[in-house]
Amino acid sequence: MTKKIVTLSGDGIGPEIMVAGLEVLDKVASKIEFDYDVDAKPFGGAGIDAEGH
């Protein structure tokens, strides 16, 4: 069963931190046969910039 994971990159946890975290998750997931899809959402100031409100 594939799990859906939502990531919230923005103020405090920037995209570069999320990329590194997802790389770790990918390595672990491949070892334990964990299937997942990532839905990346902007958060904080990045979300306001992306959505305009």
C-alpha atoms as a PDB file:
ATOM      1  CA  MET A   1       0.000   0.000   0.000  1.00  0.00           C
ATOM      2  CA  THR A   2       1.404   3.390  -1.015  1.00  0.00           C
ATOM      3  CA  LYS A   3       1.301   6.100   1.631  1.00  0.00           C
ATOM      4  CA  LYS A   4       0.931   9.786   0.802  1.00  0.00           C
ATOM      5  CA  ILE A   5       3.334  12.150   2.561  1.00  0.00           C
ATOM      6  CA  VAL A   6       2.832  15.909   2.512  1.00  0.00           C
ATOM      7  CA  THR A   7       5.949  18.040   2.921  1.00  0.00           C
ATOM      8  CA  LEU A   8       5.813  21.656   4.070  1.00  0.00           C
ATOM      9  CA  SER A   9       8.928  23.537   3.003  1.00  0.00           C
ATOM     10  CA  GLY A  10       9.180  27.183   3.917  1.00  0.00           C
ATOM     11  CA  ASP A  11      10.319  29.398   6.747  1.00  0.00           C
ATOM     12  CA  GLY A  12      12.613  27.560   9.145  1.00  0.00           C
ATOM     13  CA  ILE A  13      12.631  24.296   7.170  1.00  0.00           C
ATOM     14  CA  GLY A  14      13.844  25.367   3.755  1.00  0.00           C
ATOM     15  CA  PRO A  15      13.634  23.345   0.563  1.00  0.00           C
ATOM     16  CA  GLU A  16      17.288  22.303   0.908  1.00  0.00           C
ATOM     17  CA  ILE A  17      16.553  20.679   4.283  1.00  0.00           C
ATOM     18  CA  MET A  18      13.477  18.924   2.916  1.00  0.00           C
ATOM     19  CA  VAL A  19      15.484  17.559  -0.030  1.00  0.00           C
ATOM     20  CA  ALA A  20      18.052  16.069   2.362  1.00  0.00           C
ATOM     21  CA  GLY A  21      15.325  14.589   4.558  1.00  0.00           C
ATOM     22  CA  LEU A  22      13.589  13.012   1.583  1.00  0.00           C
ATOM     23  CA  GLU A  23      16.888  11.494   0.439  1.00  0.00           C
ATOM     24  CA  VAL A  24      17.191   9.799   3.837  1.00  0.00           C
ATOM     25  CA  LEU A  25      13.558   8.661   3.673  1.00  0.00           C
ATOM     26  CA  ASP A  26      14.156   7.222   0.208  1.00  0.00           C
ATOM     27  CA  LYS A  27      17.143   5.168   1.408  1.00  0.00           C
ATOM     28  CA  VAL A  28      15.264   3.834   4.435  1.00  0.00           C
ATOM     29  CA  ALA A  29      12.088   3.171   2.436  1.00  0.00           C
ATOM     30  CA  SER A  30      13.984   1.091  -0.115  1.00  0.00           C
ATOM     31  CA  LYS A  31      15.413  -1.098   2.660  1.00  0.00           C
ATOM     32  CA  ILE A  32      12.069  -1.750   4.375  1.00  0.00           C
ATOM     33  CA  GLU A  33       9.947  -1.870   1.198  1.00  0.00           C
ATOM     34  CA  PHE A  34       7.917   1.210   2.128  1.00  0.00           C
ATOM     35  CA  ASP A  35       6.077   2.804  -0.807  1.00  0.00           C
ATOM     36  CA  TYR A  36       5.195   6.475  -0.661  1.00  0.00           C
ATOM     37  CA  ASP A  37       4.276   9.465  -2.794  1.00  0.00           C
ATOM     38  CA  VAL A  38       5.299  12.997  -1.846  1.00  0.00           C
ATOM     39  CA  ASP A  39       2.974  15.971  -2.190  1.00  0.00           C
ATOM     40  CA  ALA A  40       5.180  19.057  -1.696  1.00  0.00           C
ATOM     41  CA  LYS A  41       3.414  22.186  -0.456  1.00  0.00           C
ATOM     42  CA  PRO A  42       4.932  25.623   0.189  1.00  0.00           C
ATOM     43  CA  PHE A  43       4.538  26.895   3.754  1.00  0.00           C
ATOM     44  CA  GLY A  44       4.904  30.178   5.618  1.00  0.00           C
ATOM     45  CA  GLY A  45       6.370  33.013   3.575  1.00  0.00           C
ATOM     46  CA  ALA A  46       7.076  30.640   0.684  1.00  0.00           C
ATOM     47  CA  GLY A  47       3.400  29.674   0.631  1.00  0.00           C
ATOM     48  CA  ILE A  48       2.291  33.293   0.614  1.00  0.00           C
ATOM     49  CA  ASP A  49       4.731  34.045  -2.216  1.00  0.00           C
ATOM     50  CA  ALA A  50       3.519  31.019  -4.210  1.00  0.00           C
ATOM     51  CA  GLU A  51      -0.212  31.527  -3.657  1.00  0.00           C
ATOM     52  CA  GLY A  52      -0.335  35.309  -3.499  1.00  0.00           C
ATOM     53  CA  HIS A  53      -2.250  35.501  -0.198  1.00  0.00           C
END
